[in-house]
Amino acid sequence: MIQLDHVHKQYGGRIAVNDIHLTVPSGKIFGFLGPNGAGKSTTIKMVTGILPIDSGSITINGKDISTDTIAAKHEFGYVPDSPDLFLRLNGIDYLHFIGDIYGISADDRTARIEEYAKLFSIYEALSDQIKTYSHGMRQKLFITGLLVQQPSVWILDEPMTGLDPKSSYQLKELMRQHTAKGNTVFFSSHVLEVVEQLCDEVAIIRKGEMLFHGTLPEMREKFHSDESLEHIFLELTQDA
């Protein structure tokens, strides 16, 4: 579970996130939506501890990201929207780095690396430097790192970007399997068809303000519409 309690963030004189209160429950795939500049990435970076919170609090499985940072970070795995990190490492070195940070045993990490790197068709490239990978291969590597870690909470920022259809399908299946075990998936995406297909709940943010939080049927009832998520989303954010 992820809990945001009256979270606020300001850059200079501009409010990026304004008093957001949000609960992302366990056992659910949760979609976090908004146009560019809405505050999605800022919110995610506060949830993951990359950015400090100006006011309010964020807890992950009951652990406060500001005051109990290390314990909170052990509860989640994060796939960023830009996988241009650790470029001088080989793929296998990055995965062992993740295993070391999270205390994954040698036997477990070896088995997980083989299983998931083969699932995403990057196993043969693990001896190559990450800087030689395509965007899609880097994305697959960071997803594999998440799966090696096996945290209860997944935080995915635009995870489908750059993935081929097979890998996108595999990731969606893994997300479903993960939440079926009572775990949490929190992800942002501009691909609204995928969100509509996958998500149990969604939240829409615009200009730092929460416009909606709930299930898709609740959204259609609230806005008196039988249209698709894409249509409702565009109506809500048309002036953004």
C-alpha atoms as a PDB file:
ATOM      1  CA  MET A   1       0.000   0.000   0.000  1.00  0.00           C
ATOM      2  CA  ILE A   2       1.096   3.552  -0.768  1.00  0.00           C
ATOM      3  CA  GLN A   3      -0.378   6.408   1.228  1.00  0.00           C
ATOM      4  CA  LEU A   4       0.017  10.089   0.305  1.00  0.00           C
ATOM      5  CA  ASP A   5      -1.290  12.404   2.998  1.00  0.00           C
ATOM      6  CA  HIS A   6      -1.758  16.053   1.960  1.00  0.00           C
ATOM      7  CA  VAL A   7       1.448  16.089  -0.093  1.00  0.00           C
ATOM      8  CA  HIS A   8       2.591  19.453  -1.416  1.00  0.00           C
ATOM      9  CA  LYS A   9       5.532  20.426  -3.642  1.00  0.00           C
ATOM     10  CA  GLN A  10       6.504  23.830  -4.962  1.00  0.00           C
ATOM     11  CA  TYR A  11       9.307  24.969  -7.274  1.00  0.00           C
ATOM     12  CA  GLY A  12      10.057  28.647  -6.722  1.00  0.00           C
ATOM     13  CA  GLY A  13       6.697  30.326  -7.005  1.00  0.00           C
ATOM     14  CA  ARG A  14       5.028  27.506  -8.939  1.00  0.00           C
ATOM     15  CA  ILE A  15       2.959  24.798  -7.276  1.00  0.00           C
ATOM     16  CA  ALA A  16       3.791  21.418  -8.833  1.00  0.00           C
ATOM     17  CA  VAL A  17       1.698  19.209  -6.520  1.00  0.00           C
ATOM     18  CA  ASN A  18      -1.047  20.711  -4.394  1.00  0.00           C
ATOM     19  CA  ASP A  19      -2.273  18.949  -1.244  1.00  0.00           C
ATOM     20  CA  ILE A  20      -2.674  15.501  -2.782  1.00  0.00           C
ATOM     21  CA  HIS A  21      -4.299  12.856  -0.595  1.00  0.00           C
ATOM     22  CA  LEU A  22      -4.239   9.400  -2.157  1.00  0.00           C
ATOM     23  CA  THR A  23      -4.303   5.751  -1.116  1.00  0.00           C
ATOM     24  CA  VAL A  24      -2.970   3.099  -3.489  1.00  0.00           C
ATOM     25  CA  PRO A  25      -4.279  -0.176  -2.034  1.00  0.00           C
ATOM     26  CA  SER A  26      -2.615  -3.577  -1.926  1.00  0.00           C
ATOM     27  CA  GLY A  27      -3.843  -6.154  -4.407  1.00  0.00           C
ATOM     28  CA  LYS A  28      -4.579  -3.545  -7.091  1.00  0.00           C
ATOM     29  CA  ILE A  29      -3.104  -2.272 -10.346  1.00  0.00           C
ATOM     30  CA  PHE A  30      -3.308   1.500 -10.007  1.00  0.00           C
ATOM     31  CA  GLY A  31      -3.006   3.890 -12.949  1.00  0.00           C
ATOM     32  CA  PHE A  32      -1.694   7.420 -12.353  1.00  0.00           C
ATOM     33  CA  LEU A  33      -2.670   9.692 -15.238  1.00  0.00           C
ATOM     34  CA  GLY A  34      -2.228  13.267 -16.348  1.00  0.00           C
ATOM     35  CA  PRO A  35      -1.027  15.394 -19.261  1.00  0.00           C
ATOM     36  CA  ASN A  36       2.579  16.528 -19.554  1.00  0.00           C
ATOM     37  CA  GLY A  37       3.458  18.914 -16.739  1.00  0.00           C
ATOM     38  CA  ALA A  38       0.567  17.766 -14.562  1.00  0.00           C
ATOM     39  CA  GLY A  39       2.775  16.733 -11.634  1.00  0.00           C
ATOM     40  CA  LYS A  40       2.922  12.962 -12.245  1.00  0.00           C
ATOM     41  CA  SER A  41       6.698  12.628 -12.352  1.00  0.00           C
ATOM     42  CA  THR A  42       7.134  15.013  -9.429  1.00  0.00           C
ATOM     43  CA  THR A  43       4.713  12.912  -7.382  1.00  0.00           C
ATOM     44  CA  ILE A  44       6.461   9.673  -8.315  1.00  0.00           C
ATOM     45  CA  LYS A  45       9.861  11.146  -7.443  1.00  0.00           C
ATOM     46  CA  MET A  46       8.540  12.142  -4.024  1.00  0.00           C
ATOM     47  CA  VAL A  47       7.059   8.671  -3.496  1.00  0.00           C
ATOM     48  CA  THR A  48      10.420   7.086  -4.340  1.00  0.00           C
ATOM     49  CA  GLY A  49      12.420   9.517  -2.213  1.00  0.00           C
ATOM     50  CA  ILE A  50      14.221  11.146  -5.144  1.00  0.00           C
ATOM     51  CA  LEU A  51      12.654  14.528  -4.352  1.00  0.00           C
ATOM     52  CA  PRO A  52      11.967  15.871  -0.844  1.00  0.00           C
ATOM     53  CA  ILE A  53       8.385  16.598   0.219  1.00  0.00           C
ATOM     54  CA  ASP A  54       7.644  20.216   1.111  1.00  0.00           C
ATOM     55  CA  SER A  55       4.749  19.247   3.377  1.00  0.00           C
ATOM     56  CA  GLY A  56       2.611  16.198   4.059  1.00  0.00           C
ATOM     57  CA  SER A  57       3.809  12.603   4.276  1.00  0.00           C
ATOM     58  CA  ILE A  58       4.197   9.492   2.126  1.00  0.00           C
ATOM     59  CA  THR A  59       4.279   5.947   3.503  1.00  0.00           C
ATOM     60  CA  ILE A  60       4.926   2.686   1.693  1.00  0.00           C
ATOM     61  CA  ASN A  61       3.585  -0.349   3.520  1.00  0.00           C
ATOM     62  CA  GLY A  62       3.478   1.849   6.622  1.00  0.00           C
ATOM     63  CA  LYS A  63       7.087   3.071   6.351  1.00  0.00           C
ATOM     64  CA  ASP A  64       7.628   6.813   5.952  1.00  0.00           C
ATOM     65  CA  ILE A  65       9.770   7.713   2.934  1.00  0.00           C
ATOM     66  CA  SER A  66      11.092  10.853   4.672  1.00  0.00           C
ATOM     67  CA  THR A  67      11.812   9.600   8.198  1.00  0.00           C
ATOM     68  CA  ASP A  68      12.381   5.868   7.613  1.00  0.00           C
ATOM     69  CA  THR A  69      13.879   6.139   4.161  1.00  0.00           C
ATOM     70  CA  ILE A  70      15.963   2.957   3.885  1.00  0.00           C
ATOM     71  CA  ALA A  71      13.198   0.725   5.250  1.00  0.00           C
ATOM     72  CA  ALA A  72      10.657   2.346   2.910  1.00  0.00           C
ATOM     73  CA  LYS A  73      12.924   1.869  -0.110  1.00  0.00           C
ATOM     74  CA  HIS A  74      13.211  -1.838   0.647  1.00  0.00           C
ATOM     75  CA  GLU A  75       9.441  -2.096   0.186  1.00  0.00           C
ATOM     76  CA  PHE A  76       9.352  -1.026  -3.465  1.00  0.00           C
ATOM     77  CA  GLY A  77      11.063  -1.396  -6.807  1.00  0.00           C
ATOM     78  CA  TYR A  78      11.176   1.473  -9.289  1.00  0.00           C
ATOM     79  CA  VAL A  79      11.408   1.569 -13.072  1.00  0.00           C
ATOM     80  CA  PRO A  80      12.018   5.196 -14.164  1.00  0.00           C
ATOM     81  CA  ASP A  81      10.602   6.817 -17.290  1.00  0.00           C
ATOM     82  CA  SER A  82      14.113   7.267 -18.688  1.00  0.00           C
ATOM     83  CA  PRO A  83      16.287   4.137 -18.430  1.00  0.00           C
ATOM     84  CA  ASP A  84      19.512   6.026 -19.244  1.00  0.00           C
ATOM     85  CA  LEU A  85      21.327   5.071 -16.028  1.00  0.00           C
ATOM     86  CA  PHE A  86      24.430   3.047 -15.125  1.00  0.00           C
ATOM     87  CA  LEU A  87      25.451   3.155 -18.782  1.00  0.00           C
ATOM     88  CA  ARG A  88      29.048   2.033 -18.177  1.00  0.00           C
ATOM     89  CA  LEU A  89      27.991  -1.134 -16.371  1.00  0.00           C
ATOM     90  CA  ASN A  90      27.376  -4.408 -18.150  1.00  0.00           C
ATOM     91  CA  GLY A  91      23.819  -5.681 -17.912  1.00  0.00           C
ATOM     92  CA  ILE A  92      24.830  -8.538 -15.622  1.00  0.00           C
ATOM     93  CA  ASP A  93      26.788  -6.164 -13.357  1.00  0.00           C
ATOM     94  CA  TYR A  94      23.709  -3.977 -12.954  1.00  0.00           C
ATOM     95  CA  LEU A  95      21.553  -6.951 -11.995  1.00  0.00           C
ATOM     96  CA  HIS A  96      24.113  -8.140  -9.435  1.00  0.00           C
ATOM     97  CA  PHE A  97      24.309  -4.569  -8.120  1.00  0.00           C
ATOM     98  CA  ILE A  98      20.538  -4.699  -7.503  1.00  0.00           C
ATOM     99  CA  GLY A  99      20.919  -8.102  -5.877  1.00  0.00           C
ATOM    100  CA  ASP A 100      23.640  -6.782  -3.560  1.00  0.00           C
ATOM    101  CA  ILE A 101      21.664  -3.685  -2.533  1.00  0.00           C
ATOM    102  CA  TYR A 102      18.586  -5.696  -1.606  1.00  0.00           C
ATOM    103  CA  GLY A 103      20.387  -8.654  -0.079  1.00  0.00           C
ATOM    104  CA  ILE A 104      19.227 -11.247  -2.622  1.00  0.00           C
ATOM    105  CA  SER A 105      21.045 -14.546  -2.137  1.00  0.00           C
ATOM    106  CA  ALA A 106      23.386 -15.770  -4.870  1.00  0.00           C
ATOM    107  CA  ASP A 107      21.176 -18.757  -5.706  1.00  0.00           C
ATOM    108  CA  ASP A 108      17.968 -16.727  -5.851  1.00  0.00           C
ATOM    109  CA  ARG A 109      19.429 -13.942  -7.957  1.00  0.00           C
ATOM    110  CA  THR A 110      21.054 -16.351 -10.416  1.00  0.00           C
ATOM    111  CA  ALA A 111      17.745 -18.155 -10.932  1.00  0.00           C
ATOM    112  CA  ARG A 112      15.775 -14.916 -11.256  1.00  0.00           C
ATOM    113  CA  ILE A 113      18.266 -13.325 -13.649  1.00  0.00           C
ATOM    114  CA  GLU A 114      18.134 -16.340 -15.939  1.00  0.00           C
ATOM    115  CA  GLU A 115      14.335 -16.617 -15.789  1.00  0.00           C
ATOM    116  CA  TYR A 116      13.460 -12.974 -16.386  1.00  0.00           C
ATOM    117  CA  ALA A 117      16.320 -12.003 -18.702  1.00  0.00           C
ATOM    118  CA  LYS A 118      15.306 -14.900 -20.947  1.00  0.00           C
ATOM    119  CA  LEU A 119      11.639 -13.951 -20.638  1.00  0.00           C
ATOM    120  CA  PHE A 120      12.452 -10.465 -21.962  1.00  0.00           C
ATOM    121  CA  SER A 121      14.995 -11.744 -24.521  1.00  0.00           C
ATOM    122  CA  ILE A 122      18.035  -9.888 -23.139  1.00  0.00           C
ATOM    123  CA  TYR A 123      19.904 -12.833 -21.592  1.00  0.00           C
ATOM    124  CA  GLU A 124      22.437 -13.063 -24.418  1.00  0.00           C
ATOM    125  CA  ALA A 125      23.207  -9.327 -24.134  1.00  0.00           C
ATOM    126  CA  LEU A 126      23.924  -9.207 -20.393  1.00  0.00           C
ATOM    127  CA  SER A 127      27.694  -9.159 -20.926  1.00  0.00           C
ATOM    128  CA  ASP A 128      27.401  -5.979 -23.027  1.00  0.00           C
ATOM    129  CA  GLN A 129      27.575  -2.454 -21.631  1.00  0.00           C
ATOM    130  CA  ILE A 130      24.214  -0.822 -21.041  1.00  0.00           C
ATOM    131  CA  LYS A 131      25.244   2.135 -23.217  1.00  0.00           C
ATOM    132  CA  THR A 132      25.161  -0.211 -26.236  1.00  0.00           C
ATOM    133  CA  TYR A 133      21.547  -1.213 -25.547  1.00  0.00           C
ATOM    134  CA  SER A 134      18.585   0.238 -27.390  1.00  0.00           C
ATOM    135  CA  HIS A 135      15.979   2.131 -25.354  1.00  0.00           C
ATOM    136  CA  GLY A 136      13.750  -0.933 -25.335  1.00  0.00           C
ATOM    137  CA  MET A 137      16.559  -3.214 -24.133  1.00  0.00           C
ATOM    138  CA  ARG A 138      17.408  -0.785 -21.327  1.00  0.00           C
ATOM    139  CA  GLN A 139      13.763  -0.758 -20.319  1.00  0.00           C
ATOM    140  CA  LYS A 140      13.734  -4.553 -20.234  1.00  0.00           C
ATOM    141  CA  LEU A 141      16.911  -4.584 -18.128  1.00  0.00           C
ATOM    142  CA  PHE A 142      15.447  -2.265 -15.486  1.00  0.00           C
ATOM    143  CA  ILE A 143      12.252  -4.319 -15.405  1.00  0.00           C
ATOM    144  CA  THR A 144      14.397  -7.432 -14.949  1.00  0.00           C
ATOM    145  CA  GLY A 145      16.156  -5.678 -12.049  1.00  0.00           C
ATOM    146  CA  LEU A 146      12.774  -5.063 -10.438  1.00  0.00           C
ATOM    147  CA  LEU A 147      11.919  -8.742 -10.815  1.00  0.00           C
ATOM    148  CA  VAL A 148      15.259  -9.830  -9.357  1.00  0.00           C
ATOM    149  CA  GLN A 149      14.498  -7.660  -6.327  1.00  0.00           C
ATOM    150  CA  GLN A 150      10.882  -8.941  -6.032  1.00  0.00           C
ATOM    151  CA  PRO A 151       9.492  -6.144  -3.821  1.00  0.00           C
ATOM    152  CA  SER A 152       5.848  -6.092  -2.797  1.00  0.00           C
ATOM    153  CA  VAL A 153       5.271  -2.627  -4.331  1.00  0.00           C
ATOM    154  CA  TRP A 154       6.091  -1.870  -7.973  1.00  0.00           C
ATOM    155  CA  ILE A 155       6.383   1.776  -9.048  1.00  0.00           C
ATOM    156  CA  LEU A 156       6.570   2.027 -12.831  1.00  0.00           C
ATOM    157  CA  ASP A 157       6.855   5.340 -14.696  1.00  0.00           C
ATOM    158  CA  GLU A 158       5.801   4.842 -18.334  1.00  0.00           C
ATOM    159  CA  PRO A 159       6.932   1.179 -18.277  1.00  0.00           C
ATOM    160  CA  MET A 160       5.615   0.226 -21.720  1.00  0.00           C
ATOM    161  CA  THR A 161       7.641   2.859 -23.591  1.00  0.00           C
ATOM    162  CA  GLY A 162      10.002   1.196 -26.040  1.00  0.00           C
ATOM    163  CA  LEU A 163       8.820  -2.349 -25.370  1.00  0.00           C
ATOM    164  CA  ASP A 164       8.024  -4.658 -28.250  1.00  0.00           C
ATOM    165  CA  PRO A 165       4.540  -6.241 -28.266  1.00  0.00           C
ATOM    166  CA  LYS A 166       5.721  -9.534 -26.750  1.00  0.00           C
ATOM    167  CA  SER A 167       7.552  -7.842 -23.877  1.00  0.00           C
ATOM    168  CA  SER A 168       4.636  -5.494 -23.262  1.00  0.00           C
ATOM    169  CA  TYR A 169       2.325  -8.501 -23.026  1.00  0.00           C
ATOM    170  CA  GLN A 170       4.694 -10.295 -20.635  1.00  0.00           C
ATOM    171  CA  LEU A 171       4.916  -7.241 -18.380  1.00  0.00           C
ATOM    172  CA  LYS A 172       1.144  -6.877 -18.227  1.00  0.00           C
ATOM    173  CA  GLU A 173       0.803 -10.533 -17.281  1.00  0.00           C
ATOM    174  CA  LEU A 174       3.434 -10.142 -14.551  1.00  0.00           C
ATOM    175  CA  MET A 175       1.592  -7.088 -13.200  1.00  0.00           C
ATOM    176  CA  ARG A 176      -1.621  -9.117 -12.968  1.00  0.00           C
ATOM    177  CA  GLN A 177       0.163 -12.021 -11.283  1.00  0.00           C
ATOM    178  CA  HIS A 178       1.855  -9.674  -8.807  1.00  0.00           C
ATOM    179  CA  THR A 179      -1.373  -8.056  -7.629  1.00  0.00           C
ATOM    180  CA  ALA A 180      -3.184 -11.402  -7.549  1.00  0.00           C
ATOM    181  CA  LYS A 181      -0.816 -12.265  -4.679  1.00  0.00           C
ATOM    182  CA  GLY A 182      -1.971  -9.201  -2.745  1.00  0.00           C
ATOM    183  CA  ASN A 183       0.807  -6.875  -3.874  1.00  0.00           C
ATOM    184  CA  THR A 184       0.674  -3.361  -5.339  1.00  0.00           C
ATOM    185  CA  VAL A 185       1.418  -1.990  -8.819  1.00  0.00           C
ATOM    186  CA  PHE A 186       1.460   1.797  -9.235  1.00  0.00           C
ATOM    187  CA  PHE A 187       2.187   2.975 -12.761  1.00  0.00           C
ATOM    188  CA  SER A 188       1.869   5.991 -14.982  1.00  0.00           C
ATOM    189  CA  SER A 189       1.166   5.818 -18.694  1.00  0.00           C
ATOM    190  CA  HIS A 190       0.023   7.921 -21.613  1.00  0.00           C
ATOM    191  CA  VAL A 191      -1.319   4.776 -23.316  1.00  0.00           C
ATOM    192  CA  LEU A 192      -4.865   5.033 -22.023  1.00  0.00           C
ATOM    193  CA  GLU A 193      -6.057   1.857 -23.742  1.00  0.00           C
ATOM    194  CA  VAL A 194      -3.538  -0.112 -21.653  1.00  0.00           C
ATOM    195  CA  VAL A 195      -4.668   1.661 -18.475  1.00  0.00           C
ATOM    196  CA  GLU A 196      -8.303   0.904 -19.241  1.00  0.00           C
ATOM    197  CA  GLN A 197      -7.442  -2.728 -19.923  1.00  0.00           C
ATOM    198  CA  LEU A 198      -5.278  -3.264 -16.831  1.00  0.00           C
ATOM    199  CA  CYS A 199      -6.215  -0.990 -13.969  1.00  0.00           C
ATOM    200  CA  ASP A 200      -8.463  -1.666 -11.009  1.00  0.00           C
ATOM    201  CA  GLU A 201      -8.318   2.005 -10.003  1.00  0.00           C
ATOM    202  CA  VAL A 202      -7.045   5.220 -11.558  1.00  0.00           C
ATOM    203  CA  ALA A 203      -6.234   8.745 -10.469  1.00  0.00           C
ATOM    204  CA  ILE A 204      -6.100  11.772 -12.769  1.00  0.00           C
ATOM    205  CA  ILE A 205      -3.979  14.791 -11.925  1.00  0.00           C
ATOM    206  CA  ARG A 206      -3.926  18.143 -13.728  1.00  0.00           C
ATOM    207  CA  LYS A 207      -1.830  21.182 -12.826  1.00  0.00           C
ATOM    208  CA  GLY A 208      -0.920  19.547  -9.529  1.00  0.00           C
ATOM    209  CA  GLU A 209      -4.557  19.009  -8.522  1.00  0.00           C
ATOM    210  CA  MET A 210      -6.318  15.664  -8.129  1.00  0.00           C
ATOM    211  CA  LEU A 211      -9.328  15.564 -10.469  1.00  0.00           C
ATOM    212  CA  PHE A 212     -10.464  12.011  -9.839  1.00  0.00           C
ATOM    213  CA  HIS A 213      -9.593   8.865  -7.907  1.00  0.00           C
ATOM    214  CA  GLY A 214     -11.567   5.638  -8.152  1.00  0.00           C
ATOM    215  CA  THR A 215     -12.596   2.789 -10.417  1.00  0.00           C
ATOM    216  CA  LEU A 216     -13.543   3.220 -14.066  1.00  0.00           C
ATOM    217  CA  PRO A 217     -17.238   2.514 -13.377  1.00  0.00           C
ATOM    218  CA  GLU A 218     -17.135   5.174 -10.650  1.00  0.00           C
ATOM    219  CA  MET A 219     -15.564   7.589 -13.119  1.00  0.00           C
ATOM    220  CA  ARG A 220     -18.280   6.999 -15.692  1.00  0.00           C
ATOM    221  CA  GLU A 221     -20.948   7.450 -13.032  1.00  0.00           C
ATOM    222  CA  LYS A 222     -19.396  10.640 -11.662  1.00  0.00           C
ATOM    223  CA  PHE A 223     -19.029  12.282 -15.056  1.00  0.00           C
ATOM    224  CA  HIS A 224     -22.277  10.841 -16.475  1.00  0.00           C
ATOM    225  CA  SER A 225     -20.500   9.258 -19.419  1.00  0.00           C
ATOM    226  CA  ASP A 226     -20.406   5.850 -21.055  1.00  0.00           C
ATOM    227  CA  GLU A 227     -17.403   6.878 -23.150  1.00  0.00           C
ATOM    228  CA  SER A 228     -13.913   5.364 -23.037  1.00  0.00           C
ATOM    229  CA  LEU A 229     -11.294   6.379 -20.495  1.00  0.00           C
ATOM    230  CA  GLU A 230      -9.499   8.223 -23.297  1.00  0.00           C
ATOM    231  CA  HIS A 231     -12.572  10.347 -24.062  1.00  0.00           C
ATOM    232  CA  ILE A 232     -13.226  11.209 -20.390  1.00  0.00           C
ATOM    233  CA  PHE A 233      -9.551  11.945 -19.787  1.00  0.00           C
ATOM    234  CA  LEU A 234      -9.392  14.353 -22.737  1.00  0.00           C
ATOM    235  CA  GLU A 235     -12.544  16.090 -21.551  1.00  0.00           C
ATOM    236  CA  LEU A 236     -11.135  16.556 -18.057  1.00  0.00           C
ATOM    237  CA  THR A 237      -7.712  17.771 -19.169  1.00  0.00           C
ATOM    238  CA  GLN A 238      -8.561  19.682 -22.340  1.00  0.00           C
ATOM    239  CA  ASP A 239      -7.296  23.022 -21.014  1.00  0.00           C
ATOM    240  CA  ALA A 240      -4.001  21.573 -19.775  1.00  0.00           C
END
